[in-house]
Amino acid sequence: MNSKALLKCFALFVILLFPITMVLFLPASAISDNYSNFLNVKSSDTFTEDFTTTTFRDGGATDAYGWGSGTVLKPRNYTWELLDFLATPNPVTGLEVQGRKAYIACLDYASPIDDLKIIDLSDMYNLQVTDTMNIYSGTMTIDVDGDVIYVGKDFAITPAQFLMTYDATDPYNIGWYDNIVTSGLVTDIDAEGNLVYFTEYGASDGKSIGVLDAEDPANLVNINNNWTSDQALGLEVEGDIAYVAASFEGFYVLNIANKHRSFEYGFVDTPGNATDVIVDGGLAYLADGSEGVHVIDVRNPNNPTIVGSYNTPGNARRLVKQGNTLFVADGTGGVQVLDVADPSNPLFVTEMQPLPYVYDLDLYGGDLVVGTASGVYTYHIGFVGDFSSMWYDNPFSTLNATDVRVQGNIAYVVGGSDGLYTLDVSNPNYPILLDQIVEGVDPYYRKLDVRGNYAYVADYGLPSGGLRIYDVSDPTNIQLMDNIVLTYAY
C-alpha cells in the first residue's frame, strides 16, 4: 500500500473514532439519564415537549439524536368514586391502615370521647367500628406495628403530653399497655421493630426526637436522644437515617445509628411549614403547609436538594404514595392527587372535593381512606366507569373464588369448598391452574393472606375449620404446615 493510501486510511480512522472519543471524554453530567444523554445536542440547544398535541417532534422541530418519535395514545385517565362515610364526634387527626383495619385517633380538647377507634375495612361500602376507647383528651397521631397501637397526645385539659401503647390483638376489645410522659406534643410516630421513634413539638427540654425501647409494650423504656431542635412535626425512619419535617425550620436529614446521639447530615430551609415526610428510593416527599409539596433529592444525605415543587390550594399536612401517584391531605384543599413520575415537575391529576378539613390519609390496596374534621371517607381510586372494554378474554371460572392475593405472576385464591389454589397469571388472557389443596371436613375457605412463602387461610367450615397455614414457596406444590381449629373463622 502506498503512502497516499495509508494517509487516507488514517484519516478515515480518525473521522470514525472522533465521535466515540468525544463521548468517552464527556463529563458525567453530560451523559446522565435525567439531563442530557443526546450525543448531538449542542449546549446552547433546548428541546421541550408539552404534550399539547399527540406527536413528539412536531413538524421536525428537532433532529437531536435520541429524541425519538411516536404517538401519545391517550391522556392519563384518573378518576375516583366515594364508597362510604363514617361520622365521628371529633376530627380524625391521625389515621393508619394495617391489614383490613383502619386505626384512627380523634382529637378532642374538651373531654376524652371516642379518642381511639378501630374500623373494619373488609367492606369499603359499609364501614364498621369494631371497638372504641376513650383515652386522654388531645389525641393527635397514631401508628400501628403488629398488634400494638401507639398513640400520641398533646396537652389539653391536663398540662401534660403522653405517648401511649394499646393492645389490638383482639380488635373488638382494645386493651391498655403503658404510657410515658413526654416533654412536647407528640406529632408523629414511626415504629421500627423494638425501637419507636417519635417527634416532640415545642419540647420543654428543647429536644425534638424521642426514642422508646418497646420490646415489651407494657413496659416502655425511654431513651434520651440529644438532638436539640424543638420544631419537629413529621418523621420517616429508614435504617440509620431519620428524615424530619421541622415546621418553619424546614427539612433535616439525621444520622440515628446511635439512638442516644443523633447528628445532622444535611438541611433544607423550606418556604412553608413542614409537617410530614415520606421517602421512596432516593427521593423525599415533603408536605410544606401553605407552600404545598416539595420533592427532595436525598441520595447524598449531606446535601439534600429540592428538585421539584407543587403548590397545592390548601394546607399540605400528610402524604401517602403509590407508584408515581402522590396523595396529599391538603386541609381545606381536600385531597390533592399528583403525578410525580417526573420528580422535577409534579403535575396535578385530580382532587377529591368538597370535603371537610382533611388531616390524614392512607391507602388500602386500590382504595383511599381519608381522615377529616367530620369523620372517615373511603374512595376507590383509578378508573371508574364502563369496564366492559377492560375485561381480558379468558376469565378463570373453573373453581369458586372468595378471596385472592397476587404476588408477581402468581395468584393465590381461596374458593369455599374448592379450598386453596394457585394460578399462573403472567398472561392475563390465559390463567393456568398450578395446584389445588382442600383440607378438613365440610371445608369453606373464606379469606386468605400471603406473606413470603406462606399462605394463611381462614376456613369457616365446621367441625375442623380454623386457621390453616400453607407453604407456597413452590406454587405448583402447596403443602399444609399447620392447622389451628377455631369456630367460624372468617
Protein backbone atom coordinates (compact mmCIF):
# COMPACT_ATOMS: atom_id res chain seq x y z
CA MET A 1 0.00 0.00 0.00
CA ASN A 2 1.46 3.44 -0.98
CA SER A 3 1.79 6.42 1.34
CA LYS A 4 -1.31 8.19 -0.06
CA ALA A 5 -3.45 5.13 0.57
CA LEU A 6 -2.10 4.85 4.11
CA LEU A 7 -2.84 8.53 4.71
CA LYS A 8 -6.44 8.10 3.51
CA CYS A 9 -6.93 5.08 5.80
CA PHE A 10 -5.55 7.01 8.76
CA ALA A 11 -7.82 9.99 8.02
CA LEU A 12 -10.87 7.69 7.78
CA PHE A 13 -9.90 6.02 11.08
CA VAL A 14 -9.68 9.43 12.82
CA ILE A 15 -13.07 10.50 11.41
CA LEU A 16 -14.74 7.31 12.63
CA LEU A 17 -13.01 7.37 16.01
CA PHE A 18 -13.63 11.04 16.79
CA PRO A 19 -17.30 10.80 17.91
CA ILE A 20 -16.53 7.81 20.15
CA THR A 21 -13.55 9.63 21.67
CA MET A 22 -15.71 12.68 22.37
CA VAL A 23 -18.31 10.55 24.18
CA LEU A 24 -15.62 8.89 26.29
CA PHE A 25 -14.33 12.25 27.45
CA LEU A 26 -17.70 13.91 28.10
CA PRO A 27 -18.30 14.87 31.75
CA ALA A 28 -20.68 12.61 33.68
CA SER A 29 -23.33 15.33 33.83
CA ALA A 30 -23.45 15.42 30.03
CA ILE A 31 -24.48 11.80 29.74
CA SER A 32 -26.71 11.44 32.81
CA ASP A 33 -30.07 9.77 32.31
CA ASN A 34 -32.06 12.74 33.54
CA TYR A 35 -30.43 15.70 31.90
CA SER A 36 -28.51 15.28 28.61
CA ASN A 37 -27.97 11.93 27.01
CA PHE A 38 -28.32 13.19 23.48
CA LEU A 39 -24.93 12.97 21.80
CA ASN A 40 -25.64 15.54 19.08
CA VAL A 41 -27.19 18.25 21.26
CA LYS A 42 -25.26 21.50 21.49
CA SER A 43 -25.03 23.02 24.96
CA SER A 44 -26.97 26.07 23.71
CA ASP A 45 -29.92 23.99 22.45
CA THR A 46 -33.08 23.36 24.48
CA PHE A 47 -35.80 20.92 23.49
CA THR A 48 -39.13 20.62 25.27
CA GLU A 49 -42.36 18.64 24.88
CA ASP A 50 -45.57 19.95 26.46
CA PHE A 51 -47.83 17.15 25.12
CA THR A 52 -50.40 19.63 23.81
CA THR A 53 -50.54 17.55 20.65
CA THR A 54 -50.39 13.79 20.17
CA THR A 55 -46.99 13.59 18.49
CA PHE A 56 -43.37 14.00 19.50
CA ARG A 57 -41.01 16.14 17.39
CA ASP A 58 -43.82 18.28 15.98
CA GLY A 59 -43.00 19.32 12.43
CA GLY A 60 -39.47 18.00 12.75
CA ALA A 61 -38.75 20.76 15.28
CA THR A 62 -35.62 18.97 16.40
CA ASP A 63 -33.23 16.45 14.91
CA ALA A 64 -31.47 15.83 18.23
CA TYR A 65 -30.09 12.31 18.37
CA GLY A 66 -32.05 10.07 20.70
CA TRP A 67 -35.08 12.41 20.97
CA GLY A 68 -37.21 9.76 19.34
CA SER A 69 -40.66 9.97 17.89
CA GLY A 70 -44.03 8.40 18.46
CA THR A 71 -47.65 8.99 19.38
CA VAL A 72 -49.35 9.71 22.69
CA LEU A 73 -52.24 7.26 22.61
CA LYS A 74 -54.45 8.90 25.26
CA PRO A 75 -54.10 11.18 28.29
CA ARG A 76 -53.96 9.70 31.77
CA ASN A 77 -57.44 8.72 32.92
CA TYR A 78 -57.64 9.03 36.69
CA THR A 79 -60.99 9.18 38.42
CA TRP A 80 -62.43 8.41 41.85
CA GLU A 81 -65.61 7.17 43.46
CA LEU A 82 -66.87 7.83 47.01
CA LEU A 83 -67.56 4.48 48.69
CA ASP A 84 -68.66 5.31 52.25
CA PHE A 85 -68.54 7.87 55.07
CA LEU A 86 -68.31 7.13 58.80
CA ALA A 87 -69.10 10.11 61.02
CA THR A 88 -67.07 10.64 64.21
CA PRO A 89 -67.83 13.04 67.11
CA ASN A 90 -64.36 14.58 66.82
CA PRO A 91 -61.90 15.36 64.00
CA VAL A 92 -59.79 12.41 62.77
CA THR A 93 -56.28 13.85 63.10
CA GLY A 94 -54.36 10.56 62.87
CA LEU A 95 -55.02 7.55 60.64
CA GLU A 96 -53.12 4.32 59.96
CA VAL A 97 -54.18 1.35 57.84
CA GLN A 98 -52.85 -2.13 58.62
CA GLY A 99 -54.32 -5.31 57.23
CA ARG A 100 -58.08 -4.93 56.88
CA LYS A 101 -58.32 -2.36 59.66
CA ALA A 102 -58.05 1.42 59.92
CA TYR A 103 -56.86 2.78 63.26
CA ILE A 104 -57.88 6.37 63.92
CA ALA A 105 -57.01 8.97 66.55
CA CYS A 106 -59.68 11.60 67.19
CA LEU A 107 -58.78 14.99 68.62
CA ASP A 108 -60.99 16.45 71.37
CA TYR A 109 -59.78 19.20 73.71
CA ALA A 110 -62.91 19.20 75.86
CA SER A 111 -63.20 15.62 77.10
CA PRO A 112 -61.93 12.12 76.38
CA ILE A 113 -64.66 10.92 73.99
CA ASP A 114 -64.09 8.37 71.21
CA ASP A 115 -60.38 9.18 71.02
CA LEU A 116 -59.30 5.80 69.56
CA LYS A 117 -61.29 3.68 67.12
CA ILE A 118 -60.65 0.59 65.01
CA ILE A 119 -62.61 0.39 61.75
CA ASP A 120 -63.17 -2.80 59.76
CA LEU A 121 -62.36 -2.17 56.06
CA SER A 122 -63.47 -5.57 54.75
CA ASP A 123 -66.45 -3.90 53.08
CA MET A 124 -65.39 -0.45 51.94
CA TYR A 125 -69.02 0.37 51.12
CA ASN A 126 -70.08 -0.32 54.72
CA LEU A 127 -67.51 0.79 57.30
CA GLN A 128 -67.97 -0.78 60.73
CA VAL A 129 -66.36 0.19 64.05
CA THR A 130 -65.02 -2.87 65.89
CA ASP A 131 -64.14 -1.05 69.11
CA THR A 132 -63.76 2.40 70.64
CA MET A 133 -61.63 3.50 73.57
CA ASN A 134 -62.00 6.78 75.43
CA ILE A 135 -58.50 7.90 76.38
CA TYR A 136 -56.76 11.15 77.24
CA SER A 137 -58.17 14.22 75.55
CA GLY A 138 -55.93 15.83 72.95
CA THR A 139 -55.15 12.68 70.96
CA MET A 140 -53.26 13.69 67.80
CA THR A 141 -51.33 10.95 66.00
CA ILE A 142 -51.21 7.17 65.66
CA ASP A 143 -49.01 4.33 64.40
CA VAL A 144 -49.57 0.58 64.40
CA ASP A 145 -46.97 -2.18 64.48
CA GLY A 146 -48.39 -5.69 64.53
CA ASP A 147 -50.81 -5.89 67.44
CA VAL A 148 -49.53 -2.75 69.18
CA ILE A 149 -51.12 0.69 68.72
CA TYR A 150 -49.01 3.76 69.50
CA VAL A 151 -50.96 6.95 70.20
CA GLY A 152 -49.57 10.46 70.70
CA LYS A 153 -51.23 13.21 72.71
CA ASP A 154 -50.75 16.94 73.19
CA PHE A 155 -51.77 18.88 76.29
CA ALA A 156 -55.44 19.66 76.65
CA ILE A 157 -57.30 19.55 79.95
CA THR A 158 -54.19 18.45 81.82
CA PRO A 159 -50.88 20.23 81.09
CA ALA A 160 -49.06 17.06 80.08
CA GLN A 161 -48.25 15.10 76.95
CA PHE A 162 -48.15 11.36 76.57
CA LEU A 163 -47.19 8.55 74.22
CA MET A 164 -49.43 5.57 74.92
CA THR A 165 -49.47 1.92 73.85
CA TYR A 166 -52.56 -0.26 73.39
CA ASP A 167 -53.16 -3.95 72.70
CA ALA A 168 -55.02 -4.60 69.43
CA THR A 169 -54.70 -8.40 69.49
CA ASP A 170 -58.48 -8.50 69.68
CA PRO A 171 -59.79 -5.63 67.51
CA TYR A 172 -63.16 -5.94 69.26
CA ASN A 173 -61.64 -5.34 72.68
CA ILE A 174 -58.79 -2.82 72.79
CA GLY A 175 -56.56 -3.17 75.84
CA TRP A 176 -54.22 -0.68 77.51
CA TYR A 177 -50.49 -1.41 77.83
CA ASP A 178 -48.49 1.58 79.09
CA ASN A 179 -47.74 5.28 78.64
CA ILE A 180 -44.87 7.70 79.14
CA VAL A 181 -44.94 11.44 79.78
CA THR A 182 -43.18 13.41 77.02
CA SER A 183 -41.72 16.89 77.11
CA GLY A 184 -43.50 18.09 73.94
CA LEU A 185 -46.54 17.50 71.75
CA VAL A 186 -46.31 14.05 70.13
CA THR A 187 -46.87 14.87 66.45
CA ASP A 188 -45.65 11.78 64.57
CA ILE A 189 -44.65 8.19 65.39
CA ASP A 190 -42.61 5.63 63.44
CA ALA A 191 -42.26 2.16 65.00
CA GLU A 192 -39.21 0.28 63.73
CA GLY A 193 -39.12 -3.13 65.38
CA ASN A 194 -38.37 -2.80 69.09
CA LEU A 195 -37.49 0.88 68.73
CA VAL A 196 -40.19 3.53 68.43
CA TYR A 197 -39.18 6.98 67.15
CA PHE A 198 -41.45 9.98 67.62
CA THR A 199 -41.38 13.74 67.18
CA GLU A 200 -41.97 16.20 70.02
CA TYR A 201 -43.02 19.69 69.02
CA GLY A 202 -42.23 22.54 71.42
CA ALA A 203 -40.47 20.20 73.83
CA SER A 204 -39.67 21.83 77.18
CA ASP A 205 -36.18 20.30 77.12
CA GLY A 206 -35.57 21.61 73.59
CA LYS A 207 -35.23 18.11 72.12
CA SER A 208 -37.38 17.08 69.19
CA ILE A 209 -36.72 13.36 68.60
CA GLY A 210 -37.91 10.81 71.12
CA VAL A 211 -36.88 7.14 71.19
CA LEU A 212 -38.50 4.28 73.09
CA ASP A 213 -37.46 0.71 73.66
CA ALA A 214 -40.80 -1.05 73.18
CA GLU A 215 -39.68 -4.67 73.22
CA ASP A 216 -42.24 -5.02 76.00
CA PRO A 217 -45.04 -2.60 75.02
CA ALA A 218 -46.44 -2.88 78.55
CA ASN A 219 -43.15 -1.62 79.98
CA LEU A 220 -41.84 1.21 77.82
CA VAL A 221 -38.27 2.39 78.33
CA ASN A 222 -37.49 6.00 77.41
CA ILE A 223 -34.14 6.54 75.64
CA ASN A 224 -32.70 10.03 75.84
CA ASN A 225 -31.77 11.45 72.41
CA ASN A 226 -29.70 14.62 72.19
CA TRP A 227 -30.99 16.32 69.00
CA THR A 228 -31.88 19.85 70.05
CA SER A 229 -34.37 21.26 67.54
CA ASP A 230 -37.83 21.53 69.11
CA GLN A 231 -39.87 22.07 65.93
CA ALA A 232 -40.31 18.55 64.52
CA LEU A 233 -43.78 17.69 63.21
CA GLY A 234 -43.18 14.77 60.82
CA LEU A 235 -40.78 11.83 60.74
CA GLU A 236 -39.72 8.95 58.49
CA VAL A 237 -37.04 6.48 59.60
CA GLU A 238 -35.12 4.41 57.03
CA GLY A 239 -32.40 2.26 58.59
CA ASP A 240 -29.90 4.54 60.32
CA ILE A 241 -31.31 7.72 58.77
CA ALA A 242 -34.21 9.86 60.03
CA TYR A 243 -35.91 12.38 57.75
CA VAL A 244 -37.58 15.15 59.73
CA ALA A 245 -40.19 17.74 58.75
CA ALA A 246 -39.42 20.53 61.21
CA SER A 247 -42.17 23.13 60.88
CA PHE A 248 -40.89 26.58 59.84
CA GLU A 249 -37.26 25.46 60.23
CA GLY A 250 -37.53 23.17 57.20
CA PHE A 251 -36.25 19.67 56.44
CA TYR A 252 -33.46 17.73 58.19
CA VAL A 253 -31.60 14.51 57.43
CA LEU A 254 -30.21 12.89 60.61
CA ASN A 255 -27.86 10.02 61.36
CA ILE A 256 -29.53 7.97 64.14
CA ALA A 257 -27.20 4.95 64.15
CA ASN A 258 -26.56 5.78 67.81
CA LYS A 259 -30.02 6.02 69.34
CA HIS A 260 -28.69 8.28 72.10
CA ARG A 261 -26.88 10.74 69.84
CA SER A 262 -28.21 11.97 66.50
CA PHE A 263 -26.21 14.25 64.27
CA GLU A 264 -27.22 16.22 61.22
CA TYR A 265 -26.26 15.13 57.74
CA GLY A 266 -27.99 17.89 55.81
CA PHE A 267 -30.72 20.54 55.93
CA VAL A 268 -33.07 22.40 53.55
CA ASP A 269 -34.72 25.68 54.56
CA THR A 270 -38.18 25.24 53.00
CA PRO A 271 -40.52 28.21 52.47
CA GLY A 272 -43.54 26.82 54.33
CA ASN A 273 -44.47 24.86 57.47
CA ALA A 274 -43.06 21.35 57.03
CA THR A 275 -45.44 18.82 58.62
CA ASP A 276 -44.80 15.40 57.03
CA VAL A 277 -42.24 13.48 55.01
CA ILE A 278 -42.20 10.14 53.20
CA VAL A 279 -39.21 8.60 51.43
CA ASP A 280 -39.18 6.42 48.32
CA GLY A 281 -35.85 5.43 46.81
CA GLY A 282 -33.56 8.44 46.71
CA LEU A 283 -36.39 10.97 46.95
CA ALA A 284 -38.17 12.51 49.93
CA TYR A 285 -41.64 14.00 49.54
CA LEU A 286 -42.30 16.84 51.96
CA ALA A 287 -45.66 18.37 52.95
CA ASP A 288 -44.89 22.06 53.49
CA GLY A 289 -48.18 23.58 54.61
CA SER A 290 -49.36 26.57 52.57
CA GLU A 291 -46.40 26.07 50.19
CA GLY A 292 -47.66 22.67 49.04
CA VAL A 293 -45.34 19.75 48.33
CA HIS A 294 -41.61 19.54 47.61
CA VAL A 295 -39.65 16.66 46.10
CA ILE A 296 -36.17 16.47 47.61
CA ASP A 297 -33.20 14.50 46.28
CA VAL A 298 -31.67 12.77 49.34
CA ARG A 299 -29.27 10.40 47.59
CA ASN A 300 -26.48 12.44 49.12
CA PRO A 301 -27.72 12.90 52.71
CA ASN A 302 -25.15 15.65 53.27
CA ASN A 303 -26.67 17.76 50.52
CA PRO A 304 -30.45 17.32 50.22
CA THR A 305 -31.74 19.38 47.31
CA ILE A 306 -35.26 20.38 46.26
CA VAL A 307 -35.73 19.17 42.68
CA GLY A 308 -39.44 19.88 42.21
CA SER A 309 -42.43 21.52 43.90
CA TYR A 310 -46.20 21.83 43.56
CA ASN A 311 -48.20 24.46 45.44
CA THR A 312 -51.49 22.86 46.50
CA PRO A 313 -54.55 25.09 47.05
CA GLY A 314 -54.91 24.29 50.77
CA ASN A 315 -52.54 23.38 53.58
CA ALA A 316 -50.48 20.24 52.79
CA ARG A 317 -50.41 18.17 56.01
CA ARG A 318 -49.87 14.45 55.32
CA LEU A 319 -48.78 12.34 52.36
CA VAL A 320 -49.08 8.81 51.01
CA LYS A 321 -47.62 7.50 47.76
CA GLN A 322 -48.49 4.63 45.42
CA GLY A 323 -46.28 4.13 42.39
CA ASN A 324 -45.94 7.51 40.68
CA THR A 325 -49.05 8.92 42.35
CA LEU A 326 -48.82 11.14 45.43
CA PHE A 327 -51.91 11.75 47.58
CA VAL A 328 -51.91 14.91 49.70
CA ALA A 329 -54.11 15.57 52.75
CA ASP A 330 -54.46 19.26 51.96
CA GLY A 331 -56.59 20.67 54.77
CA THR A 332 -59.19 22.97 53.19
CA GLY A 333 -57.92 21.79 49.78
CA GLY A 334 -59.40 18.31 50.28
CA VAL A 335 -57.30 15.50 48.81
CA GLN A 336 -54.95 16.56 46.03
CA VAL A 337 -53.68 13.84 43.68
CA LEU A 338 -50.34 14.48 41.94
CA ASP A 339 -48.35 12.64 39.29
CA VAL A 340 -44.69 12.52 40.38
CA ALA A 341 -43.34 10.33 37.56
CA ASP A 342 -41.08 13.29 36.77
CA PRO A 343 -39.85 14.41 40.22
CA SER A 344 -38.74 17.75 38.83
CA ASN A 345 -42.25 18.54 37.61
CA PRO A 346 -45.09 17.22 39.82
CA LEU A 347 -48.38 17.52 37.95
CA PHE A 348 -51.98 17.85 39.12
CA VAL A 349 -54.11 14.81 38.27
CA THR A 350 -57.37 15.27 40.16
CA GLU A 351 -58.78 16.29 43.54
CA MET A 352 -61.39 14.96 45.94
CA GLN A 353 -63.68 17.84 46.83
CA PRO A 354 -65.75 19.08 48.55
CA LEU A 355 -64.56 17.61 51.84
CA PRO A 356 -64.37 18.82 55.44
CA TYR A 357 -60.86 19.79 56.57
CA VAL A 358 -58.57 16.85 55.68
CA TYR A 359 -56.00 15.88 58.31
CA ASP A 360 -54.60 12.49 57.29
CA LEU A 361 -54.95 9.67 54.76
CA ASP A 362 -53.70 6.18 53.96
CA LEU A 363 -54.08 3.52 51.28
CA TYR A 364 -55.89 0.21 51.47
CA GLY A 365 -54.89 -1.56 48.27
CA GLY A 366 -56.52 0.38 45.44
CA ASP A 367 -58.69 2.40 47.80
CA LEU A 368 -58.04 5.54 49.81
CA VAL A 369 -59.03 6.11 53.47
CA VAL A 370 -59.29 9.78 54.46
CA GLY A 371 -59.48 11.30 57.96
CA THR A 372 -61.37 14.62 58.12
CA ALA A 373 -62.89 17.04 60.61
CA SER A 374 -66.20 15.13 60.32
CA GLY A 375 -65.07 11.52 60.11
CA VAL A 376 -63.66 8.92 57.73
CA TYR A 377 -64.27 8.78 53.97
CA THR A 378 -63.33 5.89 51.68
CA TYR A 379 -62.73 6.24 47.95
CA HIS A 380 -61.99 3.92 45.09
CA ILE A 381 -59.17 5.41 43.05
CA GLY A 382 -58.25 4.82 39.43
CA PHE A 383 -60.58 4.09 36.56
CA VAL A 384 -64.27 4.47 37.37
CA GLY A 385 -66.93 3.90 34.73
CA ASP A 386 -67.53 1.38 31.96
CA PHE A 387 -65.21 -1.59 32.49
CA SER A 388 -66.61 -3.59 29.57
CA SER A 389 -63.64 -2.74 27.36
CA MET A 390 -61.14 -3.75 30.07
CA TRP A 391 -62.01 -7.43 30.55
CA TYR A 392 -59.47 -9.98 29.47
CA ASP A 393 -60.80 -12.61 27.14
CA ASN A 394 -60.44 -15.70 29.29
CA PRO A 395 -61.59 -15.40 32.91
CA PHE A 396 -60.79 -18.38 35.11
CA SER A 397 -64.22 -19.76 36.00
CA THR A 398 -63.49 -23.42 36.74
CA LEU A 399 -63.45 -23.04 40.56
CA ASN A 400 -65.14 -20.86 43.16
CA ALA A 401 -63.35 -17.72 44.40
CA THR A 402 -63.96 -15.90 47.70
CA ASP A 403 -60.63 -14.08 48.18
CA VAL A 404 -57.42 -13.53 46.21
CA ARG A 405 -53.86 -12.27 46.65
CA VAL A 406 -51.31 -11.74 43.87
CA GLN A 407 -47.52 -11.82 44.18
CA GLY A 408 -45.59 -11.39 40.96
CA ASN A 409 -47.14 -13.68 38.35
CA ILE A 410 -48.88 -15.97 40.85
CA ALA A 411 -52.46 -15.53 42.07
CA TYR A 412 -53.38 -17.28 45.33
CA VAL A 413 -57.12 -17.91 45.57
CA VAL A 414 -59.47 -19.44 48.14
CA GLY A 415 -62.85 -20.65 46.97
CA GLY A 416 -65.09 -22.09 49.67
CA SER A 417 -65.34 -25.85 49.20
CA ASP A 418 -62.69 -25.64 46.47
CA GLY A 419 -60.02 -24.82 49.07
CA LEU A 420 -56.79 -23.03 48.17
CA TYR A 421 -55.40 -22.96 44.64
CA THR A 422 -52.71 -21.14 42.67
CA LEU A 423 -52.78 -19.69 39.18
CA ASP A 424 -50.08 -18.51 36.79
CA VAL A 425 -51.41 -15.13 35.62
CA SER A 426 -48.35 -13.96 33.69
CA ASN A 427 -50.65 -13.88 30.66
CA PRO A 428 -53.94 -12.43 31.94
CA ASN A 429 -55.69 -13.76 28.85
CA TYR A 430 -54.67 -17.30 29.75
CA PRO A 431 -54.58 -18.04 33.51
CA ILE A 432 -53.17 -21.52 34.26
CA LEU A 433 -54.11 -23.63 37.30
CA LEU A 434 -50.90 -24.72 39.06
CA ASP A 435 -52.08 -26.56 42.19
CA GLN A 436 -55.08 -27.01 44.46
CA ILE A 437 -55.45 -28.27 48.03
CA VAL A 438 -58.52 -28.86 50.22
CA GLU A 439 -58.29 -29.99 53.84
CA GLY A 440 -60.89 -30.69 56.52
CA VAL A 441 -64.43 -31.93 56.91
CA ASP A 442 -67.01 -29.75 55.14
CA PRO A 443 -64.43 -27.01 54.41
CA TYR A 444 -65.28 -23.45 53.43
CA TYR A 445 -62.12 -21.47 52.69
CA ARG A 446 -63.23 -17.86 53.11
CA LYS A 447 -60.28 -15.44 53.40
CA LEU A 448 -56.50 -15.57 52.96
CA ASP A 449 -53.33 -13.55 53.22
CA VAL A 450 -49.93 -14.33 51.71
CA ARG A 451 -46.63 -13.27 53.29
CA GLY A 452 -43.37 -14.51 51.85
CA ASN A 453 -43.51 -18.29 51.44
CA TYR A 454 -46.68 -18.80 53.50
CA ALA A 455 -50.40 -18.53 52.87
CA TYR A 456 -52.71 -18.06 55.87
CA VAL A 457 -56.29 -19.21 55.31
CA ALA A 458 -59.47 -18.67 57.36
CA ASP A 459 -61.57 -21.84 56.94
CA TYR A 460 -65.13 -21.08 58.04
CA GLY A 461 -66.21 -24.74 57.84
CA LEU A 462 -67.09 -26.99 60.76
CA PRO A 463 -66.10 -29.06 62.60
CA SER A 464 -62.41 -28.91 61.66
CA GLY A 465 -62.10 -25.40 60.22
CA GLY A 466 -59.99 -22.57 61.60
CA LEU A 467 -56.60 -21.12 60.71
CA ARG A 468 -54.71 -23.12 58.10
CA ILE A 469 -51.09 -22.33 57.23
CA TYR A 470 -49.64 -23.47 53.91
CA ASP A 471 -46.13 -23.45 52.46
CA VAL A 472 -46.48 -21.91 48.97
CA SER A 473 -42.78 -21.45 48.24
CA ASP A 474 -43.42 -23.78 45.28
CA PRO A 475 -46.82 -22.67 43.93
CA THR A 476 -47.05 -25.89 41.93
CA ASN A 477 -46.82 -27.95 45.12
CA ILE A 478 -48.78 -26.43 48.03
CA GLN A 479 -48.03 -28.05 51.40
CA LEU A 480 -50.11 -27.87 54.61
CA MET A 481 -47.88 -26.77 57.51
CA ASP A 482 -50.28 -26.45 60.44
CA ASN A 483 -53.92 -26.08 61.40
CA ILE A 484 -55.49 -24.41 64.45
CA VAL A 485 -59.11 -25.42 64.97
CA LEU A 486 -61.37 -22.39 65.50
CA THR A 487 -65.12 -21.86 65.40
CA TYR A 488 -66.36 -19.96 62.34
CA ALA A 489 -63.04 -18.46 61.25
CA TYR A 490 -63.84 -15.59 58.90
